[in-house]
């Protein structure tokens, strides 16, 4: 399947031989012969790279402007049965959509191409009407297959192959023609801004070449010796040394890129998002005392918090581990100082006195470590 560039034109992997997809920006300056040659070259290009599936969008968008919608819909329904009839017409519609004119100033009309498109559509329409008679009316319309989405690493590999590995191939070809050309791999990597995780593709490519040339240089493999028999011993030494140096440079470039890469900044959650799953007791009342919780949204980012567990009769005092304050994850308070934070048990009958005093140290005779957990029995007494 042909691939489209960002500008909407088709990739030409063999552009050296086929050229890029023809455009029609200069059609007004073309002579009649040049115009005909351009049409011929365009048809050859699409025949080389494209199938009807690649061109059907151009074809149907063009014929929708010239034929009845019901007729176009019928051809869309059964086009797979007659797409061989429509392939050349689809190429011409692609050319029209790319800017090829119907009328050419000074050279007259080129309507023969348009008439060809119309005649092929009409032929396909007659075929589709026959198919529609004996096909079940419940046949589903063509389901457009979703293009396979490439991973970021596959896209990176393609980019490096096009911009870096192809340049290495050119230099190796120059060596094969007895030209002494420097392989400036650092320049190639820098100009194309190759990331650290892309260096492995370049290193693997260089290593493949190095192994082949080394086998010939050391006379270790008969096939390699025969393949590079036209190169002298001095040339093989130069090539192997250049490739080894290039691999070392790739390693240095990769290490530099890794050092200069900024660490990933952790995205901070809002206070509301942190406490959405935090279970706590909003208010509590019994014969001895009454207590109400303050908003849990105040906990993230604060540096001190006091929690009362109404079931275990414990006061938990938390101090944050740094100026960034507490974090809440799930049903627990995080980032507290384990050495400074503590909990103690309120003696029976002392609840009102302790809560009114807020002098926790005065009553904390037997301190115990805290674990940060908050549940449906906990009252958030104080946050600052």
Protein backbone atom coordinates (compact mmCIF):
# COMPACT_ATOMS: atom_id res chain seq x y z
CA UNK A 1 0.00 0.00 0.00
CA UNK A 2 1.37 3.42 -0.98
CA UNK A 3 2.21 5.88 1.79
CA UNK A 4 1.24 9.53 1.84
CA UNK A 5 3.49 12.37 2.97
CA UNK A 6 2.26 15.21 5.14
CA UNK A 7 1.75 17.39 2.07
CA UNK A 8 -0.63 14.78 0.61
CA UNK A 9 1.69 13.41 -2.09
CA UNK A 10 2.81 9.78 -2.33
CA UNK A 11 6.20 8.62 -1.07
CA UNK A 12 8.54 7.55 -3.86
CA UNK A 13 10.95 5.01 -2.34
CA UNK A 14 12.68 4.59 -5.72
CA UNK A 15 12.68 8.28 -6.61
CA UNK A 16 16.11 7.97 -8.21
CA UNK A 17 14.50 5.89 -10.94
CA UNK A 18 10.85 6.98 -10.98
CA UNK A 19 11.06 10.57 -9.80
CA UNK A 20 8.62 12.04 -7.27
CA UNK A 21 4.88 12.24 -7.82
CA UNK A 22 4.30 14.70 -10.72
CA UNK A 23 2.70 18.01 -9.86
CA UNK A 24 0.93 20.38 -12.23
CA UNK A 25 2.02 23.78 -10.96
CA UNK A 26 3.79 24.54 -14.25
CA UNK A 27 1.13 23.26 -16.66
CA UNK A 28 0.66 26.69 -18.32
CA UNK A 29 4.29 26.71 -19.51
CA UNK A 30 4.16 23.20 -21.05
CA UNK A 31 4.06 22.58 -24.77
CA UNK A 32 1.63 20.06 -26.21
CA UNK A 33 4.36 17.39 -26.39
CA UNK A 34 5.56 18.16 -22.84
CA UNK A 35 2.00 17.97 -21.55
CA UNK A 36 1.52 14.55 -23.14
CA UNK A 37 4.84 13.31 -21.71
CA UNK A 38 3.86 14.52 -18.25
CA UNK A 39 0.59 12.59 -18.44
CA UNK A 40 2.51 9.48 -19.52
CA UNK A 41 5.06 9.86 -16.69
CA UNK A 42 2.29 10.35 -14.14
CA UNK A 43 0.48 7.20 -15.30
CA UNK A 44 3.77 5.27 -15.04
CA UNK A 45 4.39 6.63 -11.52
CA UNK A 46 0.94 5.59 -10.24
CA UNK A 47 1.23 2.19 -11.94
CA UNK A 48 4.53 1.61 -10.08
CA UNK A 49 3.44 2.72 -6.60
CA UNK A 50 -0.35 2.63 -6.35
CA UNK A 51 -3.27 0.25 -6.54
CA UNK A 52 -6.91 1.22 -6.94
CA UNK A 53 -7.26 1.03 -3.15
CA UNK A 54 -4.72 3.86 -2.86
CA UNK A 55 -6.53 5.97 -5.46
CA UNK A 56 -10.20 5.22 -4.75
CA UNK A 57 -10.65 8.28 -2.54
CA UNK A 58 -9.54 10.52 -5.43
CA UNK A 59 -11.70 8.60 -7.88
CA UNK A 60 -14.96 8.74 -5.94
CA UNK A 61 -14.50 12.37 -4.86
CA UNK A 62 -14.08 13.29 -8.55
CA UNK A 63 -16.98 11.29 -10.00
CA UNK A 64 -19.34 12.48 -7.27
CA UNK A 65 -19.14 15.90 -8.94
CA UNK A 66 -20.10 14.50 -12.37
CA UNK A 67 -22.62 11.72 -11.77
CA UNK A 68 -25.75 11.04 -9.77
CA UNK A 69 -25.10 10.24 -6.09
CA UNK A 70 -27.16 7.04 -6.26
CA UNK A 71 -25.02 5.81 -9.19
CA UNK A 72 -21.78 6.61 -7.36
CA UNK A 73 -23.11 4.85 -4.25
CA UNK A 74 -23.86 1.72 -6.29
CA UNK A 75 -20.33 1.63 -7.73
CA UNK A 76 -18.91 2.14 -4.23
CA UNK A 77 -20.91 -0.85 -3.07
CA UNK A 78 -19.54 -3.25 -5.71
CA UNK A 79 -16.30 -1.56 -6.81
CA UNK A 80 -14.14 -4.54 -5.77
CA UNK A 81 -15.73 -6.61 -8.51
CA UNK A 82 -14.85 -4.10 -11.24
CA UNK A 83 -11.83 -2.18 -9.95
CA UNK A 84 -9.65 -3.45 -12.83
CA UNK A 85 -11.92 -1.48 -15.14
CA UNK A 86 -11.44 1.65 -13.05
CA UNK A 87 -7.70 1.57 -12.26
CA UNK A 88 -6.46 3.82 -15.11
CA UNK A 89 -9.45 6.13 -14.65
CA UNK A 90 -8.51 6.43 -10.97
CA UNK A 91 -4.98 7.50 -11.95
CA UNK A 92 -6.40 10.25 -14.17
CA UNK A 93 -8.73 11.48 -11.43
CA UNK A 94 -5.75 11.67 -9.07
CA UNK A 95 -4.01 13.84 -11.69
CA UNK A 96 -7.08 16.09 -12.00
CA UNK A 97 -7.27 16.44 -8.23
CA UNK A 98 -3.56 17.32 -8.17
CA UNK A 99 -4.13 20.21 -10.61
CA UNK A 100 -4.05 18.79 -14.15
CA UNK A 101 -6.28 21.06 -16.28
CA UNK A 102 -9.09 19.98 -18.56
CA UNK A 103 -8.49 22.95 -20.85
CA UNK A 104 -4.94 23.93 -21.86
CA UNK A 105 -4.57 27.57 -22.99
CA UNK A 106 -3.15 27.84 -26.48
CA UNK A 107 -3.17 24.09 -27.07
CA UNK A 108 -6.86 23.36 -27.05
CA UNK A 109 -8.76 20.81 -25.07
CA UNK A 110 -7.54 17.59 -23.51
CA UNK A 111 -11.02 16.27 -22.95
CA UNK A 112 -10.10 12.81 -24.19
CA UNK A 113 -8.80 12.00 -20.70
CA UNK A 114 -12.03 13.23 -19.09
CA UNK A 115 -14.12 11.29 -21.62
CA UNK A 116 -12.08 8.17 -20.78
CA UNK A 117 -12.89 8.60 -17.07
CA UNK A 118 -16.61 9.04 -17.84
CA UNK A 119 -16.74 6.01 -20.14
CA UNK A 120 -14.98 3.76 -17.60
CA UNK A 121 -17.31 4.90 -14.83
CA UNK A 122 -20.34 4.14 -17.01
CA UNK A 123 -18.96 0.69 -17.87
CA UNK A 124 -18.36 -0.03 -14.19
CA UNK A 125 -21.86 1.23 -13.39
CA UNK A 126 -23.42 -1.28 -15.81
CA UNK A 127 -21.38 -4.10 -14.27
CA UNK A 128 -22.40 -3.04 -10.76
CA UNK A 129 -26.07 -2.99 -11.72
CA UNK A 130 -25.76 -6.63 -12.82
CA UNK A 131 -23.97 -7.54 -9.57
CA UNK A 132 -26.67 -5.77 -7.60
CA UNK A 133 -29.40 -7.91 -9.23
CA UNK A 134 -28.05 -11.24 -8.09
CA UNK A 135 -26.24 -10.15 -4.94
CA UNK A 136 -28.20 -10.29 -1.71
CA UNK A 137 -29.69 -6.91 -0.83
CA UNK A 138 -28.22 -7.24 2.66
CA UNK A 139 -24.62 -7.18 1.43
CA UNK A 140 -22.80 -4.74 3.59
CA UNK A 141 -21.05 -1.81 2.01
CA UNK A 142 -17.31 -1.99 1.86
CA UNK A 143 -15.82 -1.67 5.31
CA UNK A 144 -12.82 0.59 5.19
CA UNK A 145 -9.94 -1.10 6.92
CA UNK A 146 -8.25 1.06 9.49
CA UNK A 147 -4.60 1.68 8.64
CA UNK A 148 -2.17 -0.09 10.92
CA UNK A 149 -0.85 2.46 13.36
CA UNK A 150 2.93 2.39 13.58
CA UNK A 151 4.67 2.58 16.91
CA UNK A 152 6.94 5.56 17.74
CA UNK A 153 10.03 3.34 17.42
CA UNK A 154 8.96 2.15 13.94
CA UNK A 155 8.47 5.76 12.84
CA UNK A 156 11.87 6.68 14.30
CA UNK A 157 13.51 3.77 12.48
CA UNK A 158 11.96 4.88 9.18
CA UNK A 159 13.16 8.45 9.67
CA UNK A 160 16.72 7.32 10.47
CA UNK A 161 16.69 4.93 7.51
CA UNK A 162 15.69 7.71 5.11
CA UNK A 163 17.99 10.43 6.45
CA UNK A 164 21.03 8.68 7.97
CA UNK A 165 21.38 5.07 6.79
CA UNK A 166 20.84 6.08 3.16
CA UNK A 167 23.76 8.54 3.45
CA UNK A 168 25.95 5.80 4.91
CA UNK A 169 25.06 3.62 1.91
CA UNK A 170 26.17 6.41 -0.45
CA UNK A 171 29.56 6.69 1.29
CA UNK A 172 30.08 2.89 1.24
CA UNK A 173 29.29 2.94 -2.50
CA UNK A 174 31.97 5.63 -2.91
CA UNK A 175 34.49 3.40 -1.13
CA UNK A 176 33.56 0.58 -3.49
CA UNK A 177 34.45 2.90 -6.39
CA UNK A 178 37.92 3.46 -4.86
CA UNK A 179 37.07 6.98 -3.58
CA UNK A 180 38.55 7.97 -0.22
CA UNK A 181 35.58 9.69 1.48
CA UNK A 182 35.38 10.52 5.19
CA UNK A 183 32.40 9.07 7.07
CA UNK A 184 31.45 12.06 9.24
CA UNK A 185 28.92 10.21 11.34
CA UNK A 186 28.77 12.87 14.09
CA UNK A 187 27.64 15.46 11.53
CA UNK A 188 24.96 13.10 10.19
CA UNK A 189 23.60 12.36 13.64
CA UNK A 190 23.63 16.00 14.71
CA UNK A 191 22.06 17.39 11.52
CA UNK A 192 19.18 14.92 11.77
CA UNK A 193 18.82 15.36 15.56
CA UNK A 194 18.94 11.60 16.18
CA UNK A 195 17.79 10.82 19.76
CA UNK A 196 19.70 8.48 22.07
CA UNK A 197 17.28 5.57 21.51
CA UNK A 198 17.76 5.89 17.74
CA UNK A 199 21.54 5.44 17.82
CA UNK A 200 21.21 1.66 18.02
CA UNK A 201 19.78 1.53 14.48
CA UNK A 202 22.81 3.40 13.13
CA UNK A 203 25.24 1.26 15.14
CA UNK A 204 23.63 -1.99 13.90
CA UNK A 205 23.83 -0.78 10.28
CA UNK A 206 27.52 0.13 10.59
CA UNK A 207 28.25 -3.18 12.31
CA UNK A 208 26.74 -5.15 9.40
CA UNK A 209 29.07 -3.40 6.96
CA UNK A 210 32.08 -3.81 9.29
CA UNK A 211 31.55 -7.57 9.66
CA UNK A 212 31.43 -8.04 5.87
CA UNK A 213 34.55 -5.99 5.19
CA UNK A 214 36.41 -7.58 8.13
CA UNK A 215 35.72 -11.07 6.79
CA UNK A 216 37.26 -10.05 3.48
CA UNK A 217 40.21 -8.19 5.06
CA UNK A 218 41.14 -11.12 7.35
CA UNK A 219 40.54 -13.71 4.59
CA UNK A 220 38.09 -15.50 6.91
CA UNK A 221 35.24 -16.08 4.44
CA UNK A 222 35.48 -17.16 0.79
CA UNK A 223 32.27 -15.38 -0.25
CA UNK A 224 33.38 -12.10 1.34
CA UNK A 225 36.81 -12.42 -0.28
CA UNK A 226 35.20 -12.89 -3.69
CA UNK A 227 32.66 -10.09 -3.14
CA UNK A 228 35.33 -7.49 -2.32
CA UNK A 229 38.18 -8.87 -4.43
CA UNK A 230 38.30 -5.58 -6.40
CA UNK A 231 39.42 -3.70 -3.25
CA UNK A 232 43.09 -3.61 -2.25
CA UNK A 233 44.38 -4.53 1.20
CA UNK A 234 45.07 -0.86 1.94
CA UNK A 235 41.50 0.10 0.94
CA UNK A 236 39.99 -2.62 3.13
CA UNK A 237 42.10 -1.46 6.09
CA UNK A 238 40.92 2.12 5.55
CA UNK A 239 37.24 1.08 5.30
CA UNK A 240 37.37 -1.12 8.43
CA UNK A 241 39.11 1.59 10.43
CA UNK A 242 36.56 4.20 9.30
CA UNK A 243 33.65 1.96 10.31
CA UNK A 244 35.16 1.17 13.72
CA UNK A 245 35.73 4.88 14.37
CA UNK A 246 32.17 5.62 13.26
CA UNK A 247 30.76 3.06 15.72
CA UNK A 248 32.83 4.64 18.55
CA UNK A 249 31.48 8.08 17.56
CA UNK A 250 27.91 6.75 17.65
CA UNK A 251 28.52 5.47 21.19
CA UNK A 252 29.90 8.86 22.26
CA UNK A 253 26.98 10.69 20.64
CA UNK A 254 24.49 8.39 22.39
CA UNK A 255 26.15 8.94 25.79
CA UNK A 256 26.11 12.73 25.29
CA UNK A 257 22.44 12.66 24.32
CA UNK A 258 21.55 10.64 27.42
CA UNK A 259 23.37 13.08 29.70
CA UNK A 260 21.76 16.14 28.14
CA UNK A 261 18.25 14.67 28.22
CA UNK A 262 16.14 16.48 30.78
CA UNK A 263 14.56 14.22 33.44
CA UNK A 264 10.89 13.62 33.03
CA UNK A 265 8.87 15.94 35.22
CA UNK A 266 6.18 14.13 37.16
CA UNK A 267 2.79 15.66 36.47
CA UNK A 268 1.31 16.92 39.73
CA UNK A 269 -2.26 15.91 40.54
CA UNK A 270 -4.68 18.50 41.85
CA UNK A 271 -5.63 18.31 45.53
CA UNK A 272 -9.19 17.31 44.61
CA UNK A 273 -7.93 14.46 42.42
CA UNK A 274 -5.64 13.20 45.20
CA UNK A 275 -8.34 13.01 47.89
CA UNK A 276 -11.25 11.73 45.77
CA UNK A 277 -10.84 8.16 47.13
CA UNK A 278 -9.92 9.18 50.70
CA UNK A 279 -12.41 7.75 53.21
CA UNK A 280 -12.93 9.76 56.40
CA UNK A 281 -15.56 10.61 59.02
CA UNK A 282 -17.18 14.03 58.52
CA UNK A 283 -18.51 14.31 62.08
CA UNK A 284 -18.66 12.29 65.31
CA UNK A 285 -20.64 12.68 68.55
CA UNK A 286 -20.97 10.62 71.71
CA UNK A 287 -21.53 11.22 75.43
CA UNK A 288 -17.94 12.41 76.02
CA UNK A 289 -17.12 14.69 73.06
CA UNK A 290 -18.09 15.96 69.61
CA UNK A 291 -15.74 16.51 66.64
CA UNK A 292 -16.03 17.63 62.99
CA UNK A 293 -13.64 17.16 60.08
CA UNK A 294 -12.24 20.01 58.04
CA UNK A 295 -12.03 19.66 54.23
CA UNK A 296 -9.64 16.91 53.09
CA UNK A 297 -8.69 19.05 50.06
CA UNK A 298 -6.46 21.03 52.41
CA UNK A 299 -4.21 18.03 53.17
CA UNK A 300 -2.15 17.90 49.91
CA UNK A 301 0.61 20.50 50.10
CA UNK A 302 0.21 21.21 53.83
CA UNK A 303 3.07 20.59 56.28
CA UNK A 304 1.21 19.52 59.42
CA UNK A 305 -1.96 17.47 59.95
CA UNK A 306 -3.74 16.05 63.00
CA UNK A 307 -6.12 13.08 62.68
CA UNK A 308 -8.38 11.56 65.34
CA UNK A 309 -9.32 7.90 65.03
CA UNK A 310 -12.68 7.61 66.86
CA UNK A 311 -12.53 3.81 66.93
CA UNK A 312 -9.06 3.37 68.45
CA UNK A 313 -9.11 6.68 70.41
CA UNK A 314 -5.74 7.70 68.94
CA UNK A 315 -4.49 11.13 67.92
CA UNK A 316 -2.16 10.98 64.90
CA UNK A 317 0.16 13.96 64.37
CA UNK A 318 1.83 14.21 60.95
CA UNK A 319 4.74 16.44 59.91
CA UNK A 320 5.63 16.73 56.22
CA UNK A 321 8.95 15.55 54.89
CA UNK A 322 10.02 18.82 53.21
CA UNK A 323 8.46 22.06 52.02
CA UNK A 324 6.47 20.39 49.23
CA UNK A 325 4.11 19.08 51.89
CA UNK A 326 1.92 15.99 52.03
CA UNK A 327 0.59 13.95 49.14
CA UNK A 328 -2.48 11.74 49.28
CA UNK A 329 -2.56 8.48 47.41
CA UNK A 330 -5.64 6.29 47.61
CA UNK A 331 -6.58 6.21 51.31
CA UNK A 332 -3.17 7.17 52.74
CA UNK A 333 -1.20 10.29 53.56
CA UNK A 334 2.24 10.18 51.93
CA UNK A 335 5.51 12.12 52.18
CA UNK A 336 5.44 12.50 55.99
CA UNK A 337 8.48 12.50 58.25
CA UNK A 338 8.48 9.08 59.93
CA UNK A 339 10.78 10.24 62.75
CA UNK A 340 8.89 13.40 63.74
CA UNK A 341 5.34 12.10 63.16
CA UNK A 342 3.70 10.12 65.96
CA UNK A 343 0.45 8.92 67.50
CA UNK A 344 -0.76 8.41 71.07
CA UNK A 345 -3.84 7.04 72.81
CA UNK A 346 -6.25 9.40 74.56
CA UNK A 347 -7.02 8.20 78.06
CA UNK A 348 -10.62 7.54 78.99
CA UNK A 349 -12.47 10.71 79.96
CA UNK A 350 -9.72 12.99 78.59
CA UNK A 351 -11.11 13.53 75.06
CA UNK A 352 -12.63 16.96 75.66
CA UNK A 353 -9.53 18.19 77.49
CA UNK A 354 -7.15 16.97 74.77
CA UNK A 355 -9.22 18.33 71.87
CA UNK A 356 -9.72 21.75 73.48
CA UNK A 357 -6.06 22.07 74.45
CA UNK A 358 -4.50 21.12 71.08
CA UNK A 359 -1.24 20.76 73.03
CA UNK A 360 -0.55 17.26 71.71
CA UNK A 361 2.92 16.98 73.17
CA UNK A 362 1.51 17.51 76.68
CA UNK A 363 -0.62 14.38 76.44
CA UNK A 364 1.64 12.24 74.24
CA UNK A 365 3.32 10.24 77.00
CA UNK A 366 3.76 7.06 74.98
CA UNK A 367 4.43 7.93 71.32
CA UNK A 368 4.03 5.32 68.59
CA UNK A 369 4.89 5.53 64.85
CA UNK A 370 2.13 6.31 62.30
CA UNK A 371 1.40 4.52 59.02
CA UNK A 372 -0.47 7.27 57.12
CA UNK A 373 -3.70 5.32 56.63
CA UNK A 374 -7.01 7.15 56.89
CA UNK A 375 -10.38 5.34 57.09
CA UNK A 376 -14.07 5.98 57.72
CA UNK A 377 -13.42 6.33 61.50
CA UNK A 378 -10.94 9.21 61.13
CA UNK A 379 -11.70 12.87 61.80
CA UNK A 380 -9.36 15.45 60.21
CA UNK A 381 -8.91 17.83 63.14
CA UNK A 382 -6.25 20.25 61.92
CA UNK A 383 -4.23 21.05 58.77
CA UNK A 384 -1.70 23.83 58.25
